[in-house]
Amino acid sequence: MEVNTLKTKPAPTRSEQKRRQILEAGRELFMTQGFADTSMDQVTAKSGVSKATVYNHFPSKEKLFEEAVRERAEEVFSKLPRLNPTSTNPEVMLTDYFHTLLQVLLSDEGANMCFVLMSEGRRFPENARLIYESGFGRGLREMAEFLQSLHRLGTLHVPDPRWAAERLLGVVMPPLPLMCSGFAPVHAPGREQVHQAIRLFLYGLSAVSPPPTN
């Protein structure tokens, strides 16, 4: 007789459920109305919990916004393929990574979040710092570390990984400011388009010979 050894995830507590209700209500309001036009009273009404409970979990609107941004960033990064520098095919790995990333970022919810984050960043400097560090800043750091590992292994010649990571994002990313401002249609590029951008980056690097040593 086989014994099922799989552990079931414990059910969330009542407090955790209420926190989740508040966070989801806040995130939806921030995405549809923006930070400035969202009040904690609106969050209270939408979440269906008491004001005291709302402030017990999130003592200010800033804290709620901060958690909503961080959670969204974690959702995005958790869906991305792991960057493995020992992979035998960095071209395929980077194509898979960015194709997945763009599908998430340019979904309906992702586009709404993009619009809010870009508009709020200019109006609220602290929000801008948080948005950058949780999203693109973190992505740049992780990509720079990956490229640095490829350089150490001799797979690519990348003496300045941070610079290279910024150029890579510039090549792969569609015009997000135009999309988020409504001047360009919001749609994720297909895998082949992403692949072409990755090839442009990788073969552009390989075409530049390192300077001769004295």
N, C-alpha and C. Protein backbone atom coordinates (compact mmCIF):
# COMPACT_ATOMS: atom_id res chain seq x y z
N MET A 1 0.85 -1.19 0.00
CA MET A 1 0.00 0.00 0.00
C MET A 1 0.89 1.24 0.00
N GLU A 2 0.68 2.16 -0.98
CA GLU A 2 1.49 3.35 -1.09
C GLU A 2 0.95 4.44 -0.16
N VAL A 3 1.88 5.12 0.45
CA VAL A 3 1.50 6.21 1.34
C VAL A 3 1.78 7.52 0.64
N ASN A 4 0.79 8.38 0.59
CA ASN A 4 0.96 9.68 -0.05
C ASN A 4 1.76 10.60 0.87
N THR A 5 2.97 10.92 0.43
CA THR A 5 3.86 11.74 1.27
C THR A 5 3.85 13.21 0.86
N LEU A 6 3.02 13.56 -0.15
CA LEU A 6 2.97 14.94 -0.58
C LEU A 6 2.33 15.81 0.50
N LYS A 7 2.98 16.92 0.79
CA LYS A 7 2.47 17.82 1.80
C LYS A 7 1.55 18.85 1.15
N THR A 8 0.38 18.98 1.70
CA THR A 8 -0.56 19.98 1.19
C THR A 8 -0.24 21.33 1.81
N LYS A 9 -0.42 22.37 1.01
CA LYS A 9 -0.16 23.72 1.49
C LYS A 9 -1.23 24.11 2.50
N PRO A 10 -0.83 24.60 3.67
CA PRO A 10 -1.82 24.96 4.68
C PRO A 10 -2.74 26.07 4.18
N ALA A 11 -3.98 26.00 4.56
CA ALA A 11 -4.95 27.02 4.16
C ALA A 11 -4.56 28.36 4.78
N PRO A 12 -4.76 29.45 4.05
CA PRO A 12 -4.41 30.76 4.61
C PRO A 12 -5.26 31.08 5.83
N THR A 13 -4.67 31.77 6.77
CA THR A 13 -5.40 32.17 7.96
C THR A 13 -6.38 33.29 7.59
N ARG A 14 -7.26 33.59 8.52
CA ARG A 14 -8.23 34.66 8.29
C ARG A 14 -7.51 36.00 8.07
N SER A 15 -6.45 36.22 8.84
CA SER A 15 -5.68 37.45 8.68
C SER A 15 -5.02 37.51 7.31
N GLU A 16 -4.47 36.39 6.85
CA GLU A 16 -3.84 36.35 5.53
C GLU A 16 -4.86 36.58 4.42
N GLN A 17 -6.06 36.03 4.58
CA GLN A 17 -7.11 36.22 3.59
C GLN A 17 -7.49 37.70 3.48
N LYS A 18 -7.60 38.36 4.62
CA LYS A 18 -7.97 39.77 4.62
C LYS A 18 -6.85 40.62 4.00
N ARG A 19 -5.62 40.26 4.32
CA ARG A 19 -4.50 40.98 3.73
C ARG A 19 -4.52 40.85 2.21
N ARG A 20 -4.81 39.65 1.74
CA ARG A 20 -4.89 39.42 0.32
C ARG A 20 -6.02 40.24 -0.32
N GLN A 21 -7.17 40.31 0.33
CA GLN A 21 -8.29 41.10 -0.18
C GLN A 21 -7.88 42.57 -0.31
N ILE A 22 -7.21 43.08 0.71
CA ILE A 22 -6.79 44.49 0.71
C ILE A 22 -5.78 44.74 -0.42
N LEU A 23 -4.83 43.84 -0.56
CA LEU A 23 -3.78 44.00 -1.56
C LEU A 23 -4.36 43.95 -2.97
N GLU A 24 -5.26 43.03 -3.22
CA GLU A 24 -5.86 42.91 -4.54
C GLU A 24 -6.72 44.13 -4.86
N ALA A 25 -7.46 44.61 -3.86
CA ALA A 25 -8.28 45.81 -4.06
C ALA A 25 -7.40 47.01 -4.37
N GLY A 26 -6.32 47.16 -3.60
CA GLY A 26 -5.42 48.28 -3.83
C GLY A 26 -4.76 48.21 -5.20
N ARG A 27 -4.31 47.03 -5.57
CA ARG A 27 -3.65 46.89 -6.86
C ARG A 27 -4.58 47.23 -8.01
N GLU A 28 -5.82 46.77 -7.93
CA GLU A 28 -6.78 47.07 -9.00
C GLU A 28 -7.07 48.57 -9.07
N LEU A 29 -7.21 49.21 -7.93
CA LEU A 29 -7.48 50.64 -7.92
C LEU A 29 -6.28 51.44 -8.42
N PHE A 30 -5.09 51.05 -8.00
CA PHE A 30 -3.90 51.75 -8.48
C PHE A 30 -3.77 51.63 -10.00
N MET A 31 -4.08 50.46 -10.54
CA MET A 31 -3.94 50.24 -11.97
C MET A 31 -4.97 51.02 -12.78
N THR A 32 -6.17 51.19 -12.24
CA THR A 32 -7.23 51.85 -12.98
C THR A 32 -7.30 53.35 -12.72
N GLN A 33 -6.87 53.79 -11.52
CA GLN A 33 -7.00 55.20 -11.16
C GLN A 33 -5.67 55.92 -10.96
N GLY A 34 -4.61 55.16 -10.73
CA GLY A 34 -3.34 55.78 -10.39
C GLY A 34 -3.19 55.94 -8.89
N PHE A 35 -1.99 56.30 -8.48
CA PHE A 35 -1.69 56.42 -7.05
C PHE A 35 -2.40 57.61 -6.41
N ALA A 36 -2.29 58.76 -7.04
CA ALA A 36 -2.83 59.98 -6.43
C ALA A 36 -4.34 59.93 -6.25
N ASP A 37 -5.04 59.34 -7.20
CA ASP A 37 -6.51 59.34 -7.16
C ASP A 37 -7.10 58.16 -6.40
N THR A 38 -6.26 57.35 -5.82
CA THR A 38 -6.75 56.22 -5.01
C THR A 38 -6.62 56.58 -3.53
N SER A 39 -7.69 56.38 -2.78
CA SER A 39 -7.67 56.67 -1.35
C SER A 39 -7.81 55.37 -0.56
N MET A 40 -7.38 55.43 0.67
CA MET A 40 -7.52 54.26 1.54
C MET A 40 -8.99 53.97 1.84
N ASP A 41 -9.83 54.98 1.80
CA ASP A 41 -11.27 54.75 1.96
C ASP A 41 -11.81 53.91 0.81
N GLN A 42 -11.34 54.18 -0.41
CA GLN A 42 -11.75 53.39 -1.57
C GLN A 42 -11.26 51.95 -1.44
N VAL A 43 -10.04 51.80 -0.96
CA VAL A 43 -9.48 50.46 -0.77
C VAL A 43 -10.31 49.71 0.26
N THR A 44 -10.68 50.39 1.33
CA THR A 44 -11.50 49.77 2.37
C THR A 44 -12.82 49.28 1.81
N ALA A 45 -13.49 50.16 1.03
CA ALA A 45 -14.79 49.80 0.47
C ALA A 45 -14.67 48.64 -0.51
N LYS A 46 -13.65 48.67 -1.35
CA LYS A 46 -13.51 47.62 -2.37
C LYS A 46 -13.09 46.28 -1.78
N SER A 47 -12.27 46.33 -0.74
CA SER A 47 -11.78 45.08 -0.15
C SER A 47 -12.82 44.40 0.72
N GLY A 48 -13.78 45.17 1.23
CA GLY A 48 -14.83 44.58 2.07
C GLY A 48 -14.40 44.29 3.49
N VAL A 49 -13.31 44.91 3.93
CA VAL A 49 -12.87 44.73 5.32
C VAL A 49 -12.93 46.09 6.01
N SER A 50 -12.77 46.09 7.31
CA SER A 50 -12.89 47.33 8.06
C SER A 50 -11.66 48.22 7.85
N LYS A 51 -11.85 49.53 8.07
CA LYS A 51 -10.74 50.46 7.92
C LYS A 51 -9.63 50.13 8.90
N ALA A 52 -10.01 49.72 10.11
CA ALA A 52 -9.00 49.37 11.12
C ALA A 52 -8.13 48.21 10.63
N THR A 53 -8.76 47.24 9.98
CA THR A 53 -8.02 46.09 9.47
C THR A 53 -7.10 46.50 8.33
N VAL A 54 -7.59 47.39 7.47
CA VAL A 54 -6.77 47.88 6.36
C VAL A 54 -5.50 48.53 6.91
N TYR A 55 -5.65 49.43 7.87
CA TYR A 55 -4.49 50.14 8.41
C TYR A 55 -3.62 49.25 9.30
N ASN A 56 -4.19 48.18 9.82
CA ASN A 56 -3.40 47.24 10.59
C ASN A 56 -2.39 46.52 9.69
N HIS A 57 -2.83 46.22 8.46
CA HIS A 57 -1.94 45.53 7.51
C HIS A 57 -1.06 46.51 6.75
N PHE A 58 -1.63 47.66 6.39
CA PHE A 58 -0.91 48.65 5.59
C PHE A 58 -1.14 50.02 6.21
N PRO A 59 -0.19 50.52 7.01
CA PRO A 59 -0.39 51.76 7.74
C PRO A 59 -0.52 53.01 6.88
N SER A 60 -0.20 52.92 5.58
CA SER A 60 -0.33 54.08 4.70
C SER A 60 -0.56 53.62 3.27
N LYS A 61 -1.03 54.55 2.45
CA LYS A 61 -1.23 54.25 1.03
C LYS A 61 0.10 53.94 0.36
N GLU A 62 1.15 54.63 0.80
CA GLU A 62 2.48 54.39 0.24
C GLU A 62 2.93 52.95 0.48
N LYS A 63 2.68 52.44 1.69
CA LYS A 63 3.07 51.06 2.01
C LYS A 63 2.28 50.06 1.17
N LEU A 64 1.01 50.34 0.96
CA LEU A 64 0.19 49.46 0.15
C LEU A 64 0.66 49.46 -1.30
N PHE A 65 0.98 50.63 -1.83
CA PHE A 65 1.47 50.74 -3.19
C PHE A 65 2.80 50.00 -3.33
N GLU A 66 3.66 50.19 -2.34
CA GLU A 66 4.96 49.53 -2.34
C GLU A 66 4.82 48.01 -2.42
N GLU A 67 3.92 47.47 -1.61
CA GLU A 67 3.72 46.02 -1.62
C GLU A 67 3.10 45.55 -2.92
N ALA A 68 2.18 46.34 -3.48
CA ALA A 68 1.55 45.97 -4.74
C ALA A 68 2.57 45.91 -5.87
N VAL A 69 3.49 46.87 -5.89
CA VAL A 69 4.54 46.89 -6.92
C VAL A 69 5.49 45.71 -6.73
N ARG A 70 5.91 45.48 -5.49
CA ARG A 70 6.84 44.37 -5.23
C ARG A 70 6.21 43.03 -5.60
N GLU A 71 4.95 42.86 -5.26
CA GLU A 71 4.30 41.60 -5.56
C GLU A 71 4.19 41.38 -7.05
N ARG A 72 3.84 42.43 -7.77
CA ARG A 72 3.75 42.32 -9.23
C ARG A 72 5.10 41.95 -9.82
N ALA A 73 6.17 42.56 -9.31
CA ALA A 73 7.51 42.25 -9.81
C ALA A 73 7.85 40.78 -9.55
N GLU A 74 7.51 40.28 -8.36
CA GLU A 74 7.78 38.88 -8.04
C GLU A 74 7.01 37.95 -8.96
N GLU A 75 5.78 38.31 -9.28
CA GLU A 75 4.98 37.49 -10.20
C GLU A 75 5.66 37.40 -11.55
N VAL A 76 6.17 38.54 -12.03
CA VAL A 76 6.82 38.55 -13.34
C VAL A 76 8.09 37.71 -13.31
N PHE A 77 8.96 37.95 -12.33
CA PHE A 77 10.24 37.23 -12.28
C PHE A 77 10.06 35.73 -12.05
N SER A 78 9.01 35.35 -11.32
CA SER A 78 8.79 33.93 -11.06
C SER A 78 8.41 33.16 -12.31
N LYS A 79 7.91 33.84 -13.32
CA LYS A 79 7.49 33.18 -14.57
C LYS A 79 8.62 33.06 -15.59
N LEU A 80 9.74 33.70 -15.32
CA LEU A 80 10.83 33.72 -16.30
C LEU A 80 11.70 32.48 -16.21
N PRO A 81 12.18 31.98 -17.35
CA PRO A 81 13.13 30.86 -17.31
C PRO A 81 14.39 31.25 -16.55
N ARG A 82 14.98 30.29 -15.90
CA ARG A 82 16.21 30.55 -15.14
C ARG A 82 17.38 30.76 -16.10
N LEU A 83 18.16 31.80 -15.84
CA LEU A 83 19.32 32.09 -16.67
C LEU A 83 20.50 31.24 -16.19
N ASN A 84 20.91 30.30 -17.01
CA ASN A 84 21.98 29.37 -16.65
C ASN A 84 23.19 29.63 -17.54
N PRO A 85 24.25 30.22 -17.00
CA PRO A 85 25.42 30.55 -17.84
C PRO A 85 26.14 29.34 -18.42
N THR A 86 25.92 28.16 -17.86
CA THR A 86 26.59 26.96 -18.38
C THR A 86 25.79 26.30 -19.49
N SER A 87 24.67 26.89 -19.88
CA SER A 87 23.88 26.35 -20.98
C SER A 87 24.71 26.33 -22.25
N THR A 88 24.50 25.30 -23.05
CA THR A 88 25.28 25.18 -24.29
C THR A 88 24.76 26.10 -25.38
N ASN A 89 23.60 26.75 -25.16
CA ASN A 89 23.04 27.61 -26.20
C ASN A 89 22.45 28.88 -25.60
N PRO A 90 23.28 29.89 -25.30
CA PRO A 90 22.78 31.14 -24.75
C PRO A 90 21.76 31.83 -25.65
N GLU A 91 21.89 31.62 -26.96
CA GLU A 91 20.96 32.25 -27.91
C GLU A 91 19.53 31.79 -27.66
N VAL A 92 19.35 30.49 -27.50
CA VAL A 92 18.02 29.95 -27.23
C VAL A 92 17.54 30.38 -25.84
N MET A 93 18.45 30.34 -24.88
CA MET A 93 18.08 30.71 -23.51
C MET A 93 17.60 32.15 -23.43
N LEU A 94 18.33 33.06 -24.03
CA LEU A 94 17.94 34.46 -24.00
C LEU A 94 16.66 34.71 -24.78
N THR A 95 16.49 33.99 -25.88
CA THR A 95 15.25 34.12 -26.65
C THR A 95 14.05 33.68 -25.82
N ASP A 96 14.16 32.54 -25.17
CA ASP A 96 13.07 32.06 -24.31
C ASP A 96 12.78 33.03 -23.17
N TYR A 97 13.86 33.55 -22.58
CA TYR A 97 13.72 34.46 -21.44
C TYR A 97 12.95 35.72 -21.83
N PHE A 98 13.40 36.37 -22.89
CA PHE A 98 12.77 37.64 -23.26
C PHE A 98 11.41 37.45 -23.91
N HIS A 99 11.22 36.35 -24.60
CA HIS A 99 9.88 36.08 -25.16
C HIS A 99 8.88 35.94 -24.03
N THR A 100 9.23 35.20 -22.99
CA THR A 100 8.35 35.04 -21.83
C THR A 100 8.12 36.37 -21.14
N LEU A 101 9.20 37.12 -20.94
CA LEU A 101 9.10 38.41 -20.25
C LEU A 101 8.14 39.36 -20.98
N LEU A 102 8.27 39.44 -22.29
CA LEU A 102 7.44 40.38 -23.05
C LEU A 102 5.98 39.94 -23.10
N GLN A 103 5.75 38.63 -23.11
CA GLN A 103 4.37 38.14 -23.06
C GLN A 103 3.69 38.58 -21.76
N VAL A 104 4.45 38.56 -20.66
CA VAL A 104 3.89 38.96 -19.36
C VAL A 104 3.73 40.48 -19.29
N LEU A 105 4.78 41.20 -19.65
CA LEU A 105 4.76 42.66 -19.53
C LEU A 105 3.70 43.30 -20.41
N LEU A 106 3.46 42.72 -21.57
CA LEU A 106 2.55 43.35 -22.52
C LEU A 106 1.19 42.65 -22.59
N SER A 107 0.86 41.88 -21.56
CA SER A 107 -0.51 41.39 -21.42
C SER A 107 -1.40 42.57 -21.05
N ASP A 108 -2.70 42.37 -21.02
CA ASP A 108 -3.61 43.47 -20.67
C ASP A 108 -3.27 44.05 -19.30
N GLU A 109 -3.09 43.17 -18.30
CA GLU A 109 -2.77 43.64 -16.96
C GLU A 109 -1.39 44.29 -16.93
N GLY A 110 -0.45 43.69 -17.64
CA GLY A 110 0.89 44.25 -17.67
C GLY A 110 0.93 45.63 -18.29
N ALA A 111 0.17 45.82 -19.36
CA ALA A 111 0.13 47.13 -20.02
C ALA A 111 -0.49 48.18 -19.11
N ASN A 112 -1.55 47.82 -18.39
CA ASN A 112 -2.16 48.75 -17.44
C ASN A 112 -1.17 49.13 -16.35
N MET A 113 -0.48 48.14 -15.82
CA MET A 113 0.50 48.41 -14.78
C MET A 113 1.63 49.29 -15.32
N CYS A 114 2.05 49.03 -16.55
CA CYS A 114 3.10 49.82 -17.18
C CYS A 114 2.69 51.29 -17.25
N PHE A 115 1.46 51.53 -17.67
CA PHE A 115 0.97 52.91 -17.80
C PHE A 115 0.99 53.61 -16.44
N VAL A 116 0.50 52.92 -15.42
CA VAL A 116 0.45 53.52 -14.08
C VAL A 116 1.85 53.80 -13.56
N LEU A 117 2.75 52.82 -13.70
CA LEU A 117 4.09 52.98 -13.15
C LEU A 117 4.86 54.12 -13.82
N MET A 118 4.70 54.27 -15.13
CA MET A 118 5.41 55.33 -15.82
C MET A 118 4.86 56.70 -15.45
N SER A 119 3.54 56.80 -15.31
CA SER A 119 2.95 58.09 -14.96
C SER A 119 3.24 58.44 -13.50
N GLU A 120 3.17 57.45 -12.61
CA GLU A 120 3.40 57.72 -11.19
C GLU A 120 4.87 58.03 -10.91
N GLY A 121 5.76 57.43 -11.69
CA GLY A 121 7.17 57.65 -11.46
C GLY A 121 7.57 59.11 -11.59
N ARG A 122 6.97 59.82 -12.51
CA ARG A 122 7.31 61.23 -12.73
C ARG A 122 6.72 62.11 -11.63
N ARG A 123 5.60 61.71 -11.08
CA ARG A 123 4.91 62.55 -10.09
C ARG A 123 5.41 62.30 -8.67
N PHE A 124 5.87 61.08 -8.42
CA PHE A 124 6.28 60.73 -7.06
C PHE A 124 7.67 60.08 -7.10
N PRO A 125 8.72 60.85 -6.79
CA PRO A 125 10.09 60.33 -6.89
C PRO A 125 10.33 59.06 -6.09
N GLU A 126 9.76 58.95 -4.90
CA GLU A 126 9.96 57.74 -4.10
C GLU A 126 9.33 56.53 -4.78
N ASN A 127 8.18 56.74 -5.38
CA ASN A 127 7.55 55.65 -6.13
C ASN A 127 8.42 55.26 -7.32
N ALA A 128 9.02 56.26 -7.96
CA ALA A 128 9.88 55.98 -9.11
C ALA A 128 11.06 55.11 -8.70
N ARG A 129 11.68 55.43 -7.57
CA ARG A 129 12.81 54.63 -7.09
C ARG A 129 12.39 53.20 -6.82
N LEU A 130 11.25 53.02 -6.15
CA LEU A 130 10.74 51.69 -5.84
C LEU A 130 10.43 50.91 -7.11
N ILE A 131 9.76 51.58 -8.04
CA ILE A 131 9.39 50.94 -9.30
C ILE A 131 10.64 50.45 -10.04
N TYR A 132 11.66 51.31 -10.09
CA TYR A 132 12.88 50.95 -10.81
C TYR A 132 13.60 49.78 -10.13
N GLU A 133 13.78 49.88 -8.82
CA GLU A 133 14.52 48.85 -8.10
C GLU A 133 13.81 47.51 -8.14
N SER A 134 12.48 47.51 -8.09
CA SER A 134 11.73 46.26 -8.08
C SER A 134 11.63 45.62 -9.46
N GLY A 135 11.68 46.46 -10.51
CA GLY A 135 11.47 45.94 -11.86
C GLY A 135 12.71 45.98 -12.72
N PHE A 136 12.87 47.06 -13.49
CA PHE A 136 13.95 47.12 -14.46
C PHE A 136 15.32 47.12 -13.80
N GLY A 137 15.44 47.76 -12.64
CA GLY A 137 16.72 47.74 -11.95
C GLY A 137 17.15 46.34 -11.59
N ARG A 138 16.21 45.58 -11.05
CA ARG A 138 16.51 44.20 -10.70
C ARG A 138 16.81 43.38 -11.96
N GLY A 139 16.02 43.59 -13.01
CA GLY A 139 16.25 42.85 -14.25
C GLY A 139 17.62 43.14 -14.83
N LEU A 140 18.03 44.41 -14.79
CA LEU A 140 19.36 44.77 -15.30
C LEU A 140 20.47 44.13 -14.49
N ARG A 141 20.31 44.12 -13.18
CA ARG A 141 21.34 43.50 -12.32
C ARG A 141 21.48 42.02 -12.64
N GLU A 142 20.34 41.32 -12.73
CA GLU A 142 20.40 39.88 -12.99
C GLU A 142 20.97 39.58 -14.38
N MET A 143 20.59 40.42 -15.38
CA MET A 143 21.12 40.19 -16.72
C MET A 143 22.61 40.50 -16.77
N ALA A 144 23.05 41.54 -16.06
CA ALA A 144 24.48 41.86 -16.03
C ALA A 144 25.27 40.73 -15.38
N GLU A 145 24.74 40.15 -14.32
CA GLU A 145 25.41 39.03 -13.67
C GLU A 145 25.50 37.83 -14.61
N PHE A 146 24.46 37.59 -15.37
CA PHE A 146 24.46 36.49 -16.33
C PHE A 146 25.51 36.72 -17.41
N LEU A 147 25.56 37.93 -17.97
CA LEU A 147 26.54 38.23 -19.01
C LEU A 147 27.96 38.20 -18.46
N GLN A 148 28.13 38.62 -17.22
CA GLN A 148 29.45 38.55 -16.60
C GLN A 148 29.90 37.10 -16.47
N SER A 149 28.97 36.21 -16.13
CA SER A 149 29.31 34.79 -16.03
C SER A 149 29.71 34.24 -17.39
N LEU A 150 29.00 34.65 -18.46
CA LEU A 150 29.36 34.21 -19.80
C LEU A 150 30.76 34.71 -20.17
N HIS A 151 31.08 35.91 -19.75
CA HIS A 151 32.40 36.48 -20.03
C HIS A 151 33.49 35.67 -19.32
N ARG A 152 33.24 35.33 -18.06
CA ARG A 152 34.23 34.56 -17.29
C ARG A 152 34.44 33.17 -17.88
N LEU A 153 33.35 32.59 -18.42
CA LEU A 153 33.45 31.26 -19.01
C LEU A 153 34.05 31.30 -20.42
N GLY A 154 34.20 32.51 -20.98
CA GLY A 154 34.74 32.63 -22.33
C GLY A 154 33.71 32.42 -23.42
N THR A 155 32.43 32.38 -23.05
CA THR A 155 31.37 32.19 -24.04
C THR A 155 31.15 33.45 -24.86
N LEU A 156 31.22 34.61 -24.20
CA LEU A 156 31.09 35.91 -24.85
C LEU A 156 32.19 36.83 -24.35
N HIS A 157 32.52 37.81 -25.18
CA HIS A 157 33.45 38.84 -24.73
C HIS A 157 32.63 40.03 -24.26
N VAL A 158 32.45 40.14 -22.95
CA VAL A 158 31.61 41.20 -22.36
C VAL A 158 32.39 41.86 -21.22
N PRO A 159 33.33 42.74 -21.54
CA PRO A 159 34.13 43.35 -20.48
C PRO A 159 33.32 44.30 -19.58
N ASP A 160 32.21 44.82 -20.09
CA ASP A 160 31.37 45.73 -19.29
C ASP A 160 29.95 45.16 -19.27
N PRO A 161 29.68 44.22 -18.36
CA PRO A 161 28.38 43.53 -18.34
C PRO A 161 27.19 44.47 -18.13
N ARG A 162 27.34 45.48 -17.30
CA ARG A 162 26.23 46.41 -17.07
C ARG A 162 25.86 47.15 -18.34
N TRP A 163 26.86 47.67 -19.03
CA TRP A 163 26.62 48.36 -20.29
C TRP A 163 25.96 47.41 -21.29
N ALA A 164 26.48 46.19 -21.37
CA ALA A 164 25.93 45.21 -22.31
C ALA A 164 24.49 44.86 -21.96
N ALA A 165 24.17 44.74 -20.67
CA ALA A 165 22.80 44.42 -20.26
C ALA A 165 21.85 45.53 -20.68
N GLU A 166 22.27 46.77 -20.53
CA GLU A 166 21.43 47.90 -20.94
C GLU A 166 21.21 47.89 -22.45
N ARG A 167 22.26 47.59 -23.21
CA ARG A 167 22.12 47.54 -24.68
C ARG A 167 21.20 46.39 -25.09
N LEU A 168 21.33 45.26 -24.40
CA LEU A 168 20.49 44.10 -24.72
C LEU A 168 19.02 44.43 -24.50
N LEU A 169 18.71 45.05 -23.37
CA LEU A 169 17.32 45.43 -23.12
C LEU A 169 16.82 46.41 -24.18
N GLY A 170 17.70 47.32 -24.59
CA GLY A 170 17.31 48.29 -25.61
C GLY A 170 17.01 47.64 -26.95
N VAL A 171 17.74 46.59 -27.28
CA VAL A 171 17.54 45.89 -28.55
C VAL A 171 16.26 45.06 -28.53
N VAL A 172 16.01 44.40 -27.41
CA VAL A 172 14.89 43.44 -27.34
C VAL A 172 13.56 44.12 -27.05
N MET A 173 13.57 45.12 -26.18
CA MET A 173 12.32 45.72 -25.73
C MET A 173 11.66 46.54 -26.83
N PRO A 174 10.34 46.41 -26.99
CA PRO A 174 9.61 47.29 -27.90
C PRO A 174 9.54 48.69 -27.29
N PRO A 175 9.03 49.68 -28.02
CA PRO A 175 9.00 51.06 -27.50
C PRO A 175 7.96 51.22 -26.40
N LEU A 176 8.33 50.85 -25.17
CA LEU A 176 7.38 50.88 -24.05
C LEU A 176 6.81 52.27 -23.79
N PRO A 177 7.61 53.35 -23.82
CA PRO A 177 7.02 54.67 -23.59
C PRO A 177 5.91 55.01 -24.59
N LEU A 178 6.12 54.64 -25.85
CA LEU A 178 5.10 54.92 -26.86
C LEU A 178 3.85 54.07 -26.62
N MET A 179 4.06 52.81 -26.25
CA MET A 179 2.93 51.93 -25.99
C MET A 179 2.13 52.41 -24.77
N CYS A 180 2.86 52.72 -23.69
CA CYS A 180 2.18 53.09 -22.45
C CYS A 180 1.50 54.44 -22.55
N SER A 181 1.98 55.29 -23.44
CA SER A 181 1.34 56.59 -23.61
C SER A 181 0.19 56.54 -24.60
N GLY A 182 0.01 55.39 -25.26
CA GLY A 182 -1.10 55.24 -26.19
C GLY A 182 -0.77 55.61 -27.62
N PHE A 183 0.50 55.98 -27.90
CA PHE A 183 0.87 56.38 -29.25
C PHE A 183 1.17 55.19 -30.17
N ALA A 184 1.35 54.02 -29.58
CA ALA A 184 1.63 52.81 -30.37
C ALA A 184 0.80 51.67 -29.80
N PRO A 185 0.38 50.73 -30.66
CA PRO A 185 -0.42 49.61 -30.15
C PRO A 185 0.38 48.75 -29.18
N VAL A 186 -0.30 48.21 -28.18
CA VAL A 186 0.36 47.36 -27.19
C VAL A 186 0.25 45.91 -27.64
N HIS A 187 1.35 45.34 -28.01
CA HIS A 187 1.36 43.91 -28.34
C HIS A 187 2.77 43.38 -28.16
N ALA A 188 2.86 42.15 -27.72
CA ALA A 188 4.16 41.52 -27.51
C ALA A 188 4.70 40.99 -28.83
N PRO A 189 5.99 41.18 -29.11
CA PRO A 189 6.56 40.63 -30.33
C PRO A 189 6.57 39.11 -30.29
N GLY A 190 6.50 38.49 -31.45
CA GLY A 190 6.53 37.04 -31.53
C GLY A 190 7.92 36.50 -31.21
N ARG A 191 7.99 35.19 -31.03
CA ARG A 191 9.26 34.58 -30.65
C ARG A 191 10.33 34.82 -31.71
N GLU A 192 9.97 34.79 -32.99
CA GLU A 192 10.96 34.98 -34.04
C GLU A 192 11.53 36.39 -34.02
N GLN A 193 10.68 37.37 -33.72
CA GLN A 193 11.17 38.75 -33.60
C GLN A 193 12.15 38.89 -32.44
N VAL A 194 11.81 38.24 -31.32
CA VAL A 194 12.72 38.26 -30.18
C VAL A 194 14.03 37.57 -30.53
N HIS A 195 13.93 36.46 -31.23
CA HIS A 195 15.12 35.71 -31.63
C HIS A 195 16.03 36.57 -32.51
N GLN A 196 15.44 37.32 -33.43
CA GLN A 196 16.24 38.18 -34.30
C GLN A 196 16.97 39.25 -33.49
N ALA A 197 16.30 39.80 -32.49
CA ALA A 197 16.93 40.81 -31.65
C ALA A 197 18.10 40.21 -30.84
N ILE A 198 17.90 38.99 -30.34
CA ILE A 198 18.97 38.33 -29.58
C ILE A 198 20.16 38.04 -30.49
N ARG A 199 19.91 37.59 -31.70
CA ARG A 199 21.00 37.33 -32.66
C ARG A 199 21.76 38.61 -32.98
N LEU A 200 21.01 39.70 -33.14
CA LEU A 200 21.65 40.99 -33.42
C LEU A 200 22.61 41.36 -32.29
N PHE A 201 22.17 41.16 -31.06
CA PHE A 201 23.00 41.47 -29.90
C PHE A 201 24.22 40.55 -29.82
N LEU A 202 23.98 39.24 -29.87
CA LEU A 202 25.08 38.28 -29.70
C LEU A 202 26.10 38.37 -30.81
N TYR A 203 25.65 38.45 -32.07
CA TYR A 203 26.60 38.48 -33.17
C TYR A 203 27.22 39.86 -33.33
N GLY A 204 26.54 40.88 -32.80
CA GLY A 204 27.17 42.20 -32.76
C GLY A 204 28.34 42.20 -31.79
N LEU A 205 28.18 41.54 -30.65
CA LEU A 205 29.28 41.43 -29.70
C LEU A 205 30.44 40.65 -30.29
N SER A 206 30.12 39.56 -30.96
CA SER A 206 31.19 38.69 -31.49
C SER A 206 31.93 39.36 -32.64
N ALA A 207 31.30 40.37 -33.26
CA ALA A 207 31.95 41.04 -34.38
C ALA A 207 32.99 42.06 -33.92
N VAL A 208 32.94 42.41 -32.63
CA VAL A 208 33.89 43.39 -32.09
C VAL A 208 35.04 42.63 -31.44
N SER A 209 36.21 42.74 -32.02
CA SER A 209 37.37 42.05 -31.48
C SER A 209 37.92 42.82 -30.28
N PRO A 210 38.36 42.10 -29.25
CA PRO A 210 38.96 42.80 -28.11
C PRO A 210 40.24 43.50 -28.54
N PRO A 211 40.59 44.64 -27.92
CA PRO A 211 41.80 45.36 -28.30
C PRO A 211 43.04 44.52 -28.04
N PRO A 212 44.07 44.71 -28.85
CA PRO A 212 45.31 43.92 -28.63
C PRO A 212 45.97 44.31 -27.33
N THR A 213 46.58 43.35 -26.68
CA THR A 213 47.31 43.62 -25.44
C THR A 213 48.75 43.98 -25.75
N ASN A 214 49.30 44.87 -24.96
CA ASN A 214 50.70 45.27 -25.18
C ASN A 214 51.66 44.27 -24.55
